[in-house]
Protein backbone atom coordinates (compact mmCIF):
# COMPACT_ATOMS: atom_id res chain seq x y z
CA MET A 1 0.00 0.00 0.00
CA PRO A 2 1.45 3.41 -0.90
CA HIS A 3 2.41 5.90 1.76
CA ARG A 4 1.26 9.50 1.28
CA ALA A 5 2.93 12.57 2.74
CA THR A 6 2.84 16.33 2.20
CA PHE A 7 5.95 18.47 2.48
CA THR A 8 6.17 22.28 2.50
CA PHE A 9 9.35 24.14 1.63
CA GLY A 10 8.76 27.90 1.88
CA ALA A 11 5.99 28.68 -0.62
CA VAL A 12 6.14 25.24 -2.31
CA THR A 13 3.97 22.34 -1.12
CA LEU A 14 4.50 18.85 -2.55
CA ASP A 15 2.03 15.99 -2.23
CA THR A 16 3.97 12.72 -2.42
CA LYS A 17 3.07 9.07 -2.85
CA ILE A 18 5.74 6.51 -1.98
CA ASN A 19 5.48 2.95 -3.32
CA ARG A 20 7.83 0.09 -2.61
CA VAL A 21 8.95 -2.26 -5.36
CA THR A 22 9.39 -5.87 -4.28
CA ASP A 23 10.67 -9.04 -5.89
CA ARG A 24 8.61 -12.22 -6.18
CA ASN A 25 9.57 -13.19 -2.63
CA GLY A 26 8.39 -9.87 -1.19
CA ALA A 27 11.87 -8.48 -0.54
CA VAL A 28 12.04 -4.71 -1.04
CA LEU A 29 14.12 -3.81 -4.09
CA CYS A 30 13.62 -0.04 -4.02
CA TYR A 31 11.10 2.73 -3.46
CA VAL A 32 9.43 4.89 -6.09
CA VAL A 33 8.38 8.39 -5.10
CA CYS A 34 5.86 10.36 -7.17
CA TRP A 35 5.09 13.96 -6.32
CA GLU A 36 2.83 16.77 -7.40
CA ASP A 37 3.30 20.47 -6.73
CA VAL A 38 0.04 21.39 -4.96
CA SER A 39 1.13 24.90 -3.93
CA ARG A 40 -1.45 26.65 -6.13
CA ARG A 41 -4.27 24.39 -4.92
CA HIS A 42 -3.33 24.97 -1.27
CA ALA A 43 -3.21 28.76 -1.81
CA LEU A 44 -6.67 28.71 -3.44
CA GLU A 45 -8.11 26.51 -0.69
CA SER A 46 -6.75 28.90 1.91
CA ALA A 47 -8.16 31.93 0.08
CA LEU A 48 -11.58 30.29 -0.25
CA ALA A 49 -11.78 29.17 3.38
CA GLY A 50 -13.27 32.47 4.57
CA THR A 51 -15.84 32.46 1.79
CA LEU A 52 -16.84 28.87 2.57
CA ASP A 53 -17.19 29.70 6.27
CA LYS A 54 -19.50 32.55 5.32
CA LEU A 55 -21.61 30.33 3.06
CA LEU A 56 -21.80 27.50 5.59
CA SER A 57 -22.92 29.93 8.28
CA GLY A 58 -26.14 30.51 6.34
CA SER A 59 -25.25 33.36 4.02
CA THR A 60 -26.27 32.70 0.41
CA ALA A 61 -24.53 35.59 -1.34
CA LEU A 62 -20.93 36.64 -1.80
CA GLN A 63 -19.34 40.03 -1.66
CA GLY A 64 -15.83 40.68 -2.98
CA SER A 65 -13.69 39.09 -5.67
CA CYS A 66 -14.30 35.68 -7.20
CA ALA A 67 -11.82 33.95 -9.55
CA ILE A 68 -12.72 31.61 -12.41
CA LEU A 69 -9.84 29.26 -13.17
CA THR A 70 -8.57 28.12 -16.56
CA THR A 71 -10.05 24.71 -17.29
CA SER A 72 -9.18 24.12 -20.93
CA ALA A 73 -8.15 20.57 -21.75
CA ALA A 74 -5.55 22.14 -24.05
CA ALA A 75 -4.06 24.29 -21.29
CA THR A 76 -0.46 23.61 -20.40
CA SER A 77 0.29 22.45 -16.87
CA GLU A 78 1.38 26.02 -16.05
CA GLU A 79 -1.86 27.49 -17.45
CA ALA A 80 -4.18 24.93 -15.84
CA GLY A 81 -5.64 26.36 -12.68
CA SER A 82 -4.56 29.90 -13.50
CA VAL A 83 -7.08 32.71 -13.22
CA ALA A 84 -9.06 33.06 -16.46
CA ARG A 85 -11.34 35.82 -15.19
CA THR A 86 -11.97 37.69 -11.95
CA LEU A 87 -15.45 38.86 -11.01
CA GLU A 88 -16.39 41.56 -8.54
CA VAL A 89 -19.41 40.17 -6.73
CA SER A 90 -21.80 41.94 -4.41
CA ASN A 91 -24.77 40.07 -2.90
CA ARG A 92 -24.70 37.42 -5.61
CA ALA A 93 -24.41 33.65 -5.52
CA VAL A 94 -21.82 32.03 -7.80
CA ALA A 95 -21.92 28.42 -9.03
CA THR A 96 -19.65 26.74 -11.57
CA SER A 97 -20.20 23.43 -13.31
CA GLY A 98 -17.77 21.80 -15.70
CA ASP A 99 -16.14 18.69 -17.04
CA TYR A 100 -12.57 19.55 -16.11
CA GLU A 101 -12.39 17.40 -12.95
CA ARG A 102 -14.71 14.47 -13.56
CA PHE A 103 -13.83 12.93 -16.91
CA PHE A 104 -12.10 9.93 -18.41
CA ARG A 105 -10.76 8.96 -21.82
CA TYR A 106 -11.92 5.89 -23.66
CA ARG A 107 -10.48 4.95 -27.04
CA GLY A 108 -9.08 8.46 -27.36
CA GLU A 109 -12.40 10.19 -26.69
CA ARG A 110 -13.08 12.33 -23.63
CA PHE A 111 -16.22 11.54 -21.57
CA HIS A 112 -17.55 13.41 -18.54
CA HIS A 113 -20.39 13.23 -16.01
CA LEU A 114 -22.70 15.97 -17.37
CA MET A 115 -25.41 14.36 -19.45
CA ASP A 116 -27.29 15.71 -22.45
CA PRO A 117 -31.00 15.02 -21.82
CA ARG A 118 -31.60 14.70 -25.57
CA THR A 119 -29.12 11.85 -26.02
CA ALA A 120 -28.75 10.40 -22.47
CA ALA A 121 -24.99 10.55 -23.06
CA PRO A 122 -22.32 13.01 -21.96
CA ARG A 123 -22.90 16.32 -23.72
CA ARG A 124 -20.48 16.84 -26.64
CA THR A 125 -19.17 20.38 -26.45
CA SER A 126 -16.04 22.51 -26.50
CA VAL A 127 -17.28 24.26 -23.33
CA ARG A 128 -15.28 23.20 -20.25
CA SER A 129 -17.07 25.22 -17.56
CA VAL A 130 -20.10 27.42 -17.01
CA THR A 131 -20.40 29.91 -14.15
CA VAL A 132 -23.82 31.27 -13.23
CA LEU A 133 -24.39 34.29 -11.00
CA ALA A 134 -27.81 34.52 -9.39
CA ASP A 135 -29.48 35.83 -6.26
CA ARG A 136 -29.35 32.45 -4.47
CA CYS A 137 -26.89 29.57 -4.72
CA ILE A 138 -29.73 27.06 -4.56
CA ASP A 139 -30.82 28.49 -7.93
CA ALA A 140 -27.39 29.16 -9.48
CA GLU A 141 -26.00 25.62 -9.07
CA PRO A 142 -28.72 23.64 -10.89
CA CYS A 143 -28.84 26.34 -13.55
CA ALA A 144 -25.07 25.97 -14.15
CA VAL A 145 -25.48 22.20 -14.56
CA SER A 146 -28.44 22.68 -16.91
CA VAL A 147 -26.74 25.13 -19.26
CA PHE A 148 -23.36 23.35 -19.35
CA GLY A 149 -22.32 22.78 -22.93
CA LEU A 150 -24.68 25.29 -24.48
CA ALA A 151 -23.38 28.21 -26.53
CA GLN A 152 -23.04 31.45 -24.55
CA ALA A 153 -26.17 33.08 -26.05
CA GLU A 154 -28.29 29.95 -25.62
CA ALA A 155 -27.06 29.49 -22.03
CA GLU A 156 -27.85 33.12 -21.16
CA ALA A 157 -31.33 32.91 -22.70
CA PHE A 158 -32.16 29.74 -20.76
CA ALA A 159 -30.74 31.05 -17.48
CA ARG A 160 -32.54 34.39 -17.72
CA LYS A 161 -35.81 32.63 -18.53
CA GLN A 162 -35.41 30.57 -15.33
CA LEU A 163 -33.83 33.19 -13.03
CA ARG A 164 -34.41 36.92 -13.08
CA GLY A 165 -31.08 38.75 -13.39
CA ALA A 166 -28.98 35.62 -13.96
CA GLU A 167 -25.55 36.04 -15.56
CA VAL A 168 -23.68 33.29 -17.41
CA ILE A 169 -19.97 32.97 -18.19
CA THR A 170 -18.72 30.06 -20.32
CA LEU A 171 -15.09 28.95 -20.76
CA SER A 172 -13.95 26.69 -23.59
């Protein structure tokens, strides 16, 4: 069973997984260490902690800055997770839905968990995330899931028909 450990060196945090390699008799031959630089993720989690505390305490709207991260499948490892757009939010709920975390590849094709109700299969689209701003998070989240994969104009039209004053931002 692999051993996991996290190490921090100044501003850099590494998440490591250590596996032992054994021979047929179970004798340890060597250890293999894999690591991932999770510094950016840790910084974002820390920055979002205050916002999450506010939301969990019963507040349904945000006030301040909100970042939308780059989610493009074509993004380089340096671009992935970088800020694609920053929103100034005041008394608005923000919900994002996308296929950038929950997906797999099968026979070279990318599949995700967001289904197209017309085909009962994952929606085929170049859109990677949709962010919806609304008055309440309970409305913004299902709206973001519903409009995922639609073109910007179509997503806005649907969202505004469902929610007065809704705003939609798509990233491809």
